[in-house]
Amino acid sequence: MSKVILEGFIEVPENDLELVREELPNHIKLTRNENGCMIFDVNQDQENKCRFNVYEEFVNQESFDFHQKRVKLSRWGEITKNVKRNYNIKS
C-alpha cells in the first residue's frame, strides 16, 4: 500500500478561534503518536488568523482511516465541528 498525503487548510470561525488554538497542541501530540503517522503539521496562517494550514502523511490508507475515525470521536472533532475543511488527499 502507498502512503496517504493530505494537504490543505481549515477555516475556523472567529468565535471558535481561542478554543481551537488551545486544543491544537494536544491534537498534534495525539496524532503524531498514532501508529502510521509520518508527518503531521498544522500551522496558523501568518496573514489570516482564522486559517490553519495542514499537511499530513500516513504510511498507508489503514493508518489514515484510523486517524480520521479517532479525530471524529475526539475533543478536537467536537470543537472543530463548525470548521470548513479544504483538503486534497493523495494516495
PDB file of N, CA and C in Angstrom:
ATOM      1  N   MET A   1       0.835  -1.186   0.000  1.00  0.00           N
ATOM      2  CA  MET A   1       0.000   0.000   0.000  1.00  0.00           C
ATOM      3  C   MET A   1       0.881   1.251   0.000  1.00  0.00           C
ATOM      4  N   SER A   2       0.395   2.278  -0.646  1.00  0.00           N
ATOM      5  CA  SER A   2       1.158   3.526  -0.689  1.00  0.00           C
ATOM      6  C   SER A   2       0.716   4.474   0.420  1.00  0.00           C
ATOM      7  N   LYS A   3       1.594   5.410   0.714  1.00  0.00           N
ATOM      8  CA  LYS A   3       1.261   6.362   1.774  1.00  0.00           C
ATOM      9  C   LYS A   3       0.145   7.296   1.338  1.00  0.00           C
ATOM     10  N   VAL A   4      -0.493   7.909   2.318  1.00  0.00           N
ATOM     11  CA  VAL A   4      -1.580   8.862   2.085  1.00  0.00           C
ATOM     12  C   VAL A   4      -1.095  10.232   2.530  1.00  0.00           C
ATOM     13  N   ILE A   5      -1.298  11.216   1.659  1.00  0.00           N
ATOM     14  CA  ILE A   5      -0.899  12.595   1.944  1.00  0.00           C
ATOM     15  C   ILE A   5      -2.147  13.467   1.900  1.00  0.00           C
ATOM     16  N   LEU A   6      -2.329  14.244   2.940  1.00  0.00           N
ATOM     17  CA  LEU A   6      -3.412  15.222   2.995  1.00  0.00           C
ATOM     18  C   LEU A   6      -2.756  16.590   3.083  1.00  0.00           C
ATOM     19  N   GLU A   7      -3.208  17.495   2.215  1.00  0.00           N
ATOM     20  CA  GLU A   7      -2.664  18.849   2.201  1.00  0.00           C
ATOM     21  C   GLU A   7      -3.806  19.823   1.985  1.00  0.00           C
ATOM     22  N   GLY A   8      -3.786  20.924   2.712  1.00  0.00           N
ATOM     23  CA  GLY A   8      -4.825  21.934   2.552  1.00  0.00           C
ATOM     24  C   GLY A   8      -4.888  22.865   3.739  1.00  0.00           C
ATOM     25  N   PHE A   9      -6.114  23.262   4.086  1.00  0.00           N
ATOM     26  CA  PHE A   9      -6.273  24.194   5.197  1.00  0.00           C
ATOM     27  C   PHE A   9      -7.663  24.074   5.789  1.00  0.00           C
ATOM     28  N   ILE A  10      -7.790  24.578   7.019  1.00  0.00           N
ATOM     29  CA  ILE A  10      -9.093  24.701   7.650  1.00  0.00           C
ATOM     30  C   ILE A  10      -9.359  26.179   7.901  1.00  0.00           C
ATOM     31  N   GLU A  11     -10.635  26.532   7.869  1.00  0.00           N
ATOM     32  CA  GLU A  11     -11.059  27.891   8.178  1.00  0.00           C
ATOM     33  C   GLU A  11     -11.901  27.830   9.448  1.00  0.00           C
ATOM     34  N   VAL A  12     -11.409  28.487  10.485  1.00  0.00           N
ATOM     35  CA  VAL A  12     -12.030  28.433  11.798  1.00  0.00           C
ATOM     36  C   VAL A  12     -12.889  29.681  12.004  1.00  0.00           C
ATOM     37  N   PRO A  13     -14.159  29.501  12.376  1.00  0.00           N
ATOM     38  CA  PRO A  13     -14.971  30.672  12.701  1.00  0.00           C
ATOM     39  C   PRO A  13     -14.309  31.455  13.840  1.00  0.00           C
ATOM     40  N   GLU A  14     -14.354  32.761  13.749  1.00  0.00           N
ATOM     41  CA  GLU A  14     -13.668  33.606  14.730  1.00  0.00           C
ATOM     42  C   GLU A  14     -14.099  33.309  16.168  1.00  0.00           C
ATOM     43  N   ASN A  15     -15.367  32.984  16.379  1.00  0.00           N
ATOM     44  CA  ASN A  15     -15.829  32.714  17.739  1.00  0.00           C
ATOM     45  C   ASN A  15     -15.312  31.371  18.285  1.00  0.00           C
ATOM     46  N   ASP A  16     -14.758  30.506  17.443  1.00  0.00           N
ATOM     47  CA  ASP A  16     -14.167  29.230  17.878  1.00  0.00           C
ATOM     48  C   ASP A  16     -12.645  29.293  17.947  1.00  0.00           C
ATOM     49  N   LEU A  17     -12.068  30.396  17.542  1.00  0.00           N
ATOM     50  CA  LEU A  17     -10.618  30.505  17.372  1.00  0.00           C
ATOM     51  C   LEU A  17      -9.832  30.229  18.649  1.00  0.00           C
ATOM     52  N   GLU A  18     -10.232  30.804  19.751  1.00  0.00           N
ATOM     53  CA  GLU A  18      -9.487  30.631  21.003  1.00  0.00           C
ATOM     54  C   GLU A  18      -9.482  29.165  21.443  1.00  0.00           C
ATOM     55  N   LEU A  19     -10.623  28.522  21.366  1.00  0.00           N
ATOM     56  CA  LEU A  19     -10.724  27.120  21.767  1.00  0.00           C
ATOM     57  C   LEU A  19      -9.896  26.216  20.846  1.00  0.00           C
ATOM     58  N   VAL A  20      -9.928  26.489  19.555  1.00  0.00           N
ATOM     59  CA  VAL A  20      -9.128  25.712  18.597  1.00  0.00           C
ATOM     60  C   VAL A  20      -7.643  25.875  18.901  1.00  0.00           C
ATOM     61  N   ARG A  21      -7.202  27.096  19.143  1.00  0.00           N
ATOM     62  CA  ARG A  21      -5.788  27.332  19.479  1.00  0.00           C
ATOM     63  C   ARG A  21      -5.373  26.602  20.747  1.00  0.00           C
ATOM     64  N   GLU A  22      -6.254  26.583  21.730  1.00  0.00           N
ATOM     65  CA  GLU A  22      -5.952  25.906  22.991  1.00  0.00           C
ATOM     66  C   GLU A  22      -5.817  24.395  22.813  1.00  0.00           C
ATOM     67  N   GLU A  23      -6.675  23.797  22.002  1.00  0.00           N
ATOM     68  CA  GLU A  23      -6.697  22.338  21.848  1.00  0.00           C
ATOM     69  C   GLU A  23      -5.710  21.834  20.801  1.00  0.00           C
ATOM     70  N   LEU A  24      -5.253  22.701  19.916  1.00  0.00           N
ATOM     71  CA  LEU A  24      -4.387  22.268  18.813  1.00  0.00           C
ATOM     72  C   LEU A  24      -3.123  21.530  19.270  1.00  0.00           C
ATOM     73  N   PRO A  25      -2.375  21.997  20.264  1.00  0.00           N
ATOM     74  CA  PRO A  25      -1.178  21.245  20.678  1.00  0.00           C
ATOM     75  C   PRO A  25      -1.491  19.805  21.102  1.00  0.00           C
ATOM     76  N   ASN A  26      -2.597  19.592  21.797  1.00  0.00           N
ATOM     77  CA  ASN A  26      -2.987  18.242  22.187  1.00  0.00           C
ATOM     78  C   ASN A  26      -3.346  17.403  20.968  1.00  0.00           C
ATOM     79  N   HIS A  27      -4.073  17.983  20.033  1.00  0.00           N
ATOM     80  CA  HIS A  27      -4.447  17.276  18.798  1.00  0.00           C
ATOM     81  C   HIS A  27      -3.191  16.863  18.022  1.00  0.00           C
ATOM     82  N   ILE A  28      -2.244  17.756  17.914  1.00  0.00           N
ATOM     83  CA  ILE A  28      -0.994  17.445  17.212  1.00  0.00           C
ATOM     84  C   ILE A  28      -0.253  16.319  17.932  1.00  0.00           C
ATOM     85  N   LYS A  29      -0.138  16.409  19.243  1.00  0.00           N
ATOM     86  CA  LYS A  29       0.570  15.388  20.022  1.00  0.00           C
ATOM     87  C   LYS A  29      -0.078  14.016  19.849  1.00  0.00           C
ATOM     88  N   LEU A  30      -1.393  13.952  20.001  1.00  0.00           N
ATOM     89  CA  LEU A  30      -2.098  12.678  19.869  1.00  0.00           C
ATOM     90  C   LEU A  30      -1.925  12.089  18.468  1.00  0.00           C
ATOM     91  N   THR A  31      -2.006  12.927  17.459  1.00  0.00           N
ATOM     92  CA  THR A  31      -1.879  12.442  16.088  1.00  0.00           C
ATOM     93  C   THR A  31      -0.468  11.960  15.801  1.00  0.00           C
ATOM     94  N   ARG A  32       0.527  12.702  16.211  1.00  0.00           N
ATOM     95  CA  ARG A  32       1.911  12.290  15.968  1.00  0.00           C
ATOM     96  C   ARG A  32       2.265  10.989  16.681  1.00  0.00           C
ATOM     97  N   ASN A  33       1.533  10.655  17.732  1.00  0.00           N
ATOM     98  CA  ASN A  33       1.763   9.405  18.452  1.00  0.00           C
ATOM     99  C   ASN A  33       1.011   8.213  17.860  1.00  0.00           C
ATOM    100  N   GLU A  34       0.173   8.439  16.862  1.00  0.00           N
ATOM    101  CA  GLU A  34      -0.560   7.343  16.229  1.00  0.00           C
ATOM    102  C   GLU A  34       0.395   6.491  15.403  1.00  0.00           C
ATOM    103  N   ASN A  35       0.162   5.171  15.429  1.00  0.00           N
ATOM    104  CA  ASN A  35       0.923   4.283  14.547  1.00  0.00           C
ATOM    105  C   ASN A  35       0.636   4.665  13.102  1.00  0.00           C
ATOM    106  N   GLY A  36       1.670   4.811  12.325  1.00  0.00           N
ATOM    107  CA  GLY A  36       1.498   5.110  10.909  1.00  0.00           C
ATOM    108  C   GLY A  36       1.565   6.578  10.552  1.00  0.00           C
ATOM    109  N   CYS A  37       1.592   7.458  11.540  1.00  0.00           N
ATOM    110  CA  CYS A  37       1.714   8.889  11.247  1.00  0.00           C
ATOM    111  C   CYS A  37       3.180   9.200  10.981  1.00  0.00           C
ATOM    112  N   MET A  38       3.455   9.710   9.801  1.00  0.00           N
ATOM    113  CA  MET A  38       4.822  10.075   9.429  1.00  0.00           C
ATOM    114  C   MET A  38       5.078  11.562   9.661  1.00  0.00           C
ATOM    115  N   ILE A  39       4.138  12.392   9.213  1.00  0.00           N
ATOM    116  CA  ILE A  39       4.246  13.844   9.344  1.00  0.00           C
ATOM    117  C   ILE A  39       2.857  14.375   9.665  1.00  0.00           C
ATOM    118  N   PHE A  40       2.797  15.308  10.607  1.00  0.00           N
ATOM    119  CA  PHE A  40       1.530  15.970  10.913  1.00  0.00           C
ATOM    120  C   PHE A  40       1.842  17.392  11.350  1.00  0.00           C
ATOM    121  N   ASP A  41       1.556  18.348  10.473  1.00  0.00           N
ATOM    122  CA  ASP A  41       1.826  19.755  10.748  1.00  0.00           C
ATOM    123  C   ASP A  41       0.564  20.572  10.542  1.00  0.00           C
ATOM    124  N   VAL A  42       0.246  21.384  11.532  1.00  0.00           N
ATOM    125  CA  VAL A  42      -0.860  22.335  11.444  1.00  0.00           C
ATOM    126  C   VAL A  42      -0.331  23.662  11.962  1.00  0.00           C
ATOM    127  N   ASN A  43      -0.385  24.675  11.108  1.00  0.00           N
ATOM    128  CA  ASN A  43       0.165  25.980  11.468  1.00  0.00           C
ATOM    129  C   ASN A  43      -0.818  27.083  11.124  1.00  0.00           C
ATOM    130  N   GLN A  44      -0.968  28.007  12.055  1.00  0.00           N
ATOM    131  CA  GLN A  44      -1.843  29.156  11.817  1.00  0.00           C
ATOM    132  C   GLN A  44      -1.210  30.046  10.752  1.00  0.00           C
ATOM    133  N   ASP A  45      -2.008  30.450   9.789  1.00  0.00           N
ATOM    134  CA  ASP A  45      -1.551  31.306   8.706  1.00  0.00           C
ATOM    135  C   ASP A  45      -1.099  32.659   9.254  1.00  0.00           C
ATOM    136  N   GLN A  46      -0.030  33.193   8.702  1.00  0.00           N
ATOM    137  CA  GLN A  46       0.522  34.470   9.166  1.00  0.00           C
ATOM    138  C   GLN A  46      -0.361  35.664   8.805  1.00  0.00           C
ATOM    139  N   GLU A  47      -1.101  35.558   7.713  1.00  0.00           N
ATOM    140  CA  GLU A  47      -1.906  36.689   7.241  1.00  0.00           C
ATOM    141  C   GLU A  47      -3.388  36.591   7.605  1.00  0.00           C
ATOM    142  N   ASN A  48      -3.884  35.369   7.777  1.00  0.00           N
ATOM    143  CA  ASN A  48      -5.295  35.158   8.081  1.00  0.00           C
ATOM    144  C   ASN A  48      -5.385  34.321   9.358  1.00  0.00           C
ATOM    145  N   LYS A  49      -5.699  34.943  10.482  1.00  0.00           N
ATOM    146  CA  LYS A  49      -5.684  34.250  11.777  1.00  0.00           C
ATOM    147  C   LYS A  49      -6.716  33.129  11.866  1.00  0.00           C
ATOM    148  N   CYS A  50      -7.701  33.109  10.991  1.00  0.00           N
ATOM    149  CA  CYS A  50      -8.733  32.076  11.019  1.00  0.00           C
ATOM    150  C   CYS A  50      -8.396  30.876  10.117  1.00  0.00           C
ATOM    151  N   ARG A  51      -7.275  30.953   9.447  1.00  0.00           N
ATOM    152  CA  ARG A  51      -6.855  29.864   8.551  1.00  0.00           C
ATOM    153  C   ARG A  51      -5.672  29.124   9.168  1.00  0.00           C
ATOM    154  N   PHE A  52      -5.753  27.787   9.139  1.00  0.00           N
ATOM    155  CA  PHE A  52      -4.680  26.933   9.617  1.00  0.00           C
ATOM    156  C   PHE A  52      -4.294  25.992   8.482  1.00  0.00           C
ATOM    157  N   ASN A  53      -3.033  26.045   8.091  1.00  0.00           N
ATOM    158  CA  ASN A  53      -2.526  25.197   7.018  1.00  0.00           C
ATOM    159  C   ASN A  53      -2.203  23.813   7.575  1.00  0.00           C
ATOM    160  N   VAL A  54      -2.577  22.784   6.813  1.00  0.00           N
ATOM    161  CA  VAL A  54      -2.475  21.405   7.279  1.00  0.00           C
ATOM    162  C   VAL A  54      -1.684  20.580   6.274  1.00  0.00           C
ATOM    163  N   TYR A  55      -0.744  19.765   6.793  1.00  0.00           N
ATOM    164  CA  TYR A  55      -0.020  18.802   5.965  1.00  0.00           C
ATOM    165  C   TYR A  55       0.136  17.521   6.782  1.00  0.00           C
ATOM    166  N   GLU A  56      -0.296  16.405   6.197  1.00  0.00           N
ATOM    167  CA  GLU A  56      -0.239  15.112   6.878  1.00  0.00           C
ATOM    168  C   GLU A  56       0.304  14.046   5.935  1.00  0.00           C
ATOM    169  N   GLU A  57       1.066  13.115   6.495  1.00  0.00           N
ATOM    170  CA  GLU A  57       1.476  11.914   5.767  1.00  0.00           C
ATOM    171  C   GLU A  57       1.296  10.721   6.685  1.00  0.00           C
ATOM    172  N   PHE A  58       0.626   9.703   6.168  1.00  0.00           N
ATOM    173  CA  PHE A  58       0.441   8.440   6.877  1.00  0.00           C
ATOM    174  C   PHE A  58       0.992   7.316   6.008  1.00  0.00           C
ATOM    175  N   VAL A  59       1.497   6.260   6.648  1.00  0.00           N
ATOM    176  CA  VAL A  59       2.170   5.192   5.904  1.00  0.00           C
ATOM    177  C   VAL A  59       1.246   4.464   4.947  1.00  0.00           C
ATOM    178  N   ASN A  60      -0.051   4.402   5.258  1.00  0.00           N
ATOM    179  CA  ASN A  60      -0.979   3.704   4.371  1.00  0.00           C
ATOM    180  C   ASN A  60      -2.417   4.161   4.652  1.00  0.00           C
ATOM    181  N   GLN A  61      -3.329   3.654   3.852  1.00  0.00           N
ATOM    182  CA  GLN A  61      -4.739   4.029   3.974  1.00  0.00           C
ATOM    183  C   GLN A  61      -5.307   3.609   5.323  1.00  0.00           C
ATOM    184  N   GLU A  62      -4.905   2.448   5.812  1.00  0.00           N
ATOM    185  CA  GLU A  62      -5.412   1.959   7.091  1.00  0.00           C
ATOM    186  C   GLU A  62      -5.064   2.913   8.235  1.00  0.00           C
ATOM    187  N   SER A  63      -3.829   3.389   8.283  1.00  0.00           N
ATOM    188  CA  SER A  63      -3.447   4.313   9.358  1.00  0.00           C
ATOM    189  C   SER A  63      -4.145   5.666   9.190  1.00  0.00           C
ATOM    190  N   PHE A  64      -4.338   6.102   7.961  1.00  0.00           N
ATOM    191  CA  PHE A  64      -5.065   7.351   7.709  1.00  0.00           C
ATOM    192  C   PHE A  64      -6.525   7.210   8.155  1.00  0.00           C
ATOM    193  N   ASP A  65      -7.151   6.083   7.819  1.00  0.00           N
ATOM    194  CA  ASP A  65      -8.546   5.850   8.209  1.00  0.00           C
ATOM    195  C   ASP A  65      -8.694   5.799   9.725  1.00  0.00           C
ATOM    196  N   PHE A  66      -7.738   5.166  10.410  1.00  0.00           N
ATOM    197  CA  PHE A  66      -7.766   5.126  11.867  1.00  0.00           C
ATOM    198  C   PHE A  66      -7.736   6.551  12.426  1.00  0.00           C
ATOM    199  N   HIS A  67      -6.847   7.371  11.872  1.00  0.00           N
ATOM    200  CA  HIS A  67      -6.737   8.768  12.310  1.00  0.00           C
ATOM    201  C   HIS A  67      -8.068   9.496  12.139  1.00  0.00           C
ATOM    202  N   GLN A  68      -8.684   9.347  10.994  1.00  0.00           N
ATOM    203  CA  GLN A  68      -9.951  10.030  10.731  1.00  0.00           C
ATOM    204  C   GLN A  68     -11.026   9.605  11.737  1.00  0.00           C
ATOM    205  N   LYS A  69     -11.102   8.306  12.030  1.00  0.00           N
ATOM    206  CA  LYS A  69     -12.090   7.817  12.998  1.00  0.00           C
ATOM    207  C   LYS A  69     -11.801   8.354  14.395  1.00  0.00           C
ATOM    208  N   ARG A  70     -10.531   8.329  14.791  1.00  0.00           N
ATOM    209  CA  ARG A  70     -10.174   8.805  16.122  1.00  0.00           C
ATOM    210  C   ARG A  70     -10.533  10.273  16.279  1.00  0.00           C
ATOM    211  N   VAL A  71     -10.218  11.069  15.265  1.00  0.00           N
ATOM    212  CA  VAL A  71     -10.472  12.508  15.338  1.00  0.00           C
ATOM    213  C   VAL A  71     -11.967  12.798  15.480  1.00  0.00           C
ATOM    214  N   LYS A  72     -12.797  12.072  14.755  1.00  0.00           N
ATOM    215  CA  LYS A  72     -14.247  12.316  14.841  1.00  0.00           C
ATOM    216  C   LYS A  72     -14.790  12.101  16.247  1.00  0.00           C
ATOM    217  N   LEU A  73     -14.156  11.220  17.006  1.00  0.00           N
ATOM    218  CA  LEU A  73     -14.622  10.904  18.353  1.00  0.00           C
ATOM    219  C   LEU A  73     -13.878  11.675  19.435  1.00  0.00           C
ATOM    220  N   SER A  74     -12.964  12.543  19.037  1.00  0.00           N
ATOM    221  CA  SER A  74     -12.100  13.238  19.991  1.00  0.00           C
ATOM    222  C   SER A  74     -12.644  14.620  20.357  1.00  0.00           C
ATOM    223  N   ARG A  75     -11.999  15.213  21.337  1.00  0.00           N
ATOM    224  CA  ARG A  75     -12.323  16.598  21.713  1.00  0.00           C
ATOM    225  C   ARG A  75     -12.096  17.523  20.522  1.00  0.00           C
ATOM    226  N   TRP A  76     -11.016  17.286  19.776  1.00  0.00           N
ATOM    227  CA  TRP A  76     -10.735  18.094  18.580  1.00  0.00           C
ATOM    228  C   TRP A  76     -11.910  18.014  17.603  1.00  0.00           C
ATOM    229  N   GLY A  77     -12.417  16.826  17.386  1.00  0.00           N
ATOM    230  CA  GLY A  77     -13.565  16.658  16.496  1.00  0.00           C
ATOM    231  C   GLY A  77     -14.770  17.440  16.974  1.00  0.00           C
ATOM    232  N   GLU A  78     -14.949  17.461  18.275  1.00  0.00           N
ATOM    233  CA  GLU A  78     -16.079  18.185  18.863  1.00  0.00           C
ATOM    234  C   GLU A  78     -15.940  19.696  18.687  1.00  0.00           C
ATOM    235  N   ILE A  79     -14.763  20.235  18.988  1.00  0.00           N
ATOM    236  CA  ILE A  79     -14.627  21.695  18.940  1.00  0.00           C
ATOM    237  C   ILE A  79     -14.432  22.232  17.528  1.00  0.00           C
ATOM    238  N   THR A  80     -14.142  21.350  16.565  1.00  0.00           N
ATOM    239  CA  THR A  80     -13.972  21.822  15.180  1.00  0.00           C
ATOM    240  C   THR A  80     -15.159  21.449  14.293  1.00  0.00           C
ATOM    241  N   LYS A  81     -16.286  21.179  14.884  1.00  0.00           N
ATOM    242  CA  LYS A  81     -17.454  20.786  14.080  1.00  0.00           C
ATOM    243  C   LYS A  81     -17.917  21.896  13.140  1.00  0.00           C
ATOM    244  N   ASN A  82     -17.609  23.165  13.436  1.00  0.00           N
ATOM    245  CA  ASN A  82     -18.016  24.284  12.578  1.00  0.00           C
ATOM    246  C   ASN A  82     -16.916  24.755  11.630  1.00  0.00           C
ATOM    247  N   VAL A  83     -15.803  24.060  11.641  1.00  0.00           N
ATOM    248  CA  VAL A  83     -14.659  24.426  10.805  1.00  0.00           C
ATOM    249  C   VAL A  83     -14.908  23.985   9.361  1.00  0.00           C
ATOM    250  N   LYS A  84     -14.526  24.835   8.404  1.00  0.00           N
ATOM    251  CA  LYS A  84     -14.584  24.456   6.989  1.00  0.00           C
ATOM    252  C   LYS A  84     -13.251  23.829   6.622  1.00  0.00           C
ATOM    253  N   ARG A  85     -13.314  22.638   6.062  1.00  0.00           N
ATOM    254  CA  ARG A  85     -12.102  21.898   5.693  1.00  0.00           C
ATOM    255  C   ARG A  85     -11.931  21.917   4.185  1.00  0.00           C
ATOM    256  N   ASN A  86     -10.726  22.264   3.761  1.00  0.00           N
ATOM    257  CA  ASN A  86     -10.385  22.345   2.335  1.00  0.00           C
ATOM    258  C   ASN A  86      -9.133  21.513   2.124  1.00  0.00           C
ATOM    259  N   TYR A  87      -9.314  20.242   1.738  1.00  0.00           N
ATOM    260  CA  TYR A  87      -8.205  19.302   1.650  1.00  0.00           C
ATOM    261  C   TYR A  87      -8.091  18.682   0.264  1.00  0.00           C
ATOM    262  N   ASN A  88      -6.875  18.335  -0.083  1.00  0.00           N
ATOM    263  CA  ASN A  88      -6.581  17.453  -1.203  1.00  0.00           C
ATOM    264  C   ASN A  88      -5.926  16.220  -0.604  1.00  0.00           C
ATOM    265  N   ILE A  89      -6.408  15.034  -0.973  1.00  0.00           N
ATOM    266  CA  ILE A  89      -5.857  13.798  -0.445  1.00  0.00           C
ATOM    267  C   ILE A  89      -5.314  12.980  -1.610  1.00  0.00           C
ATOM    268  N   LYS A  90      -4.044  12.541  -1.452  1.00  0.00           N
ATOM    269  CA  LYS A  90      -3.387  11.721  -2.474  1.00  0.00           C
ATOM    270  C   LYS A  90      -2.918  10.425  -1.839  1.00  0.00           C
ATOM    271  N   SER A  91      -3.058   9.348  -2.590  1.00  0.00           N
ATOM    272  CA  SER A  91      -2.523   8.070  -2.105  1.00  0.00           C
ATOM    273  C   SER A  91      -1.787   7.360  -3.213  1.00  0.00           C
TER     274      SER A  91
END
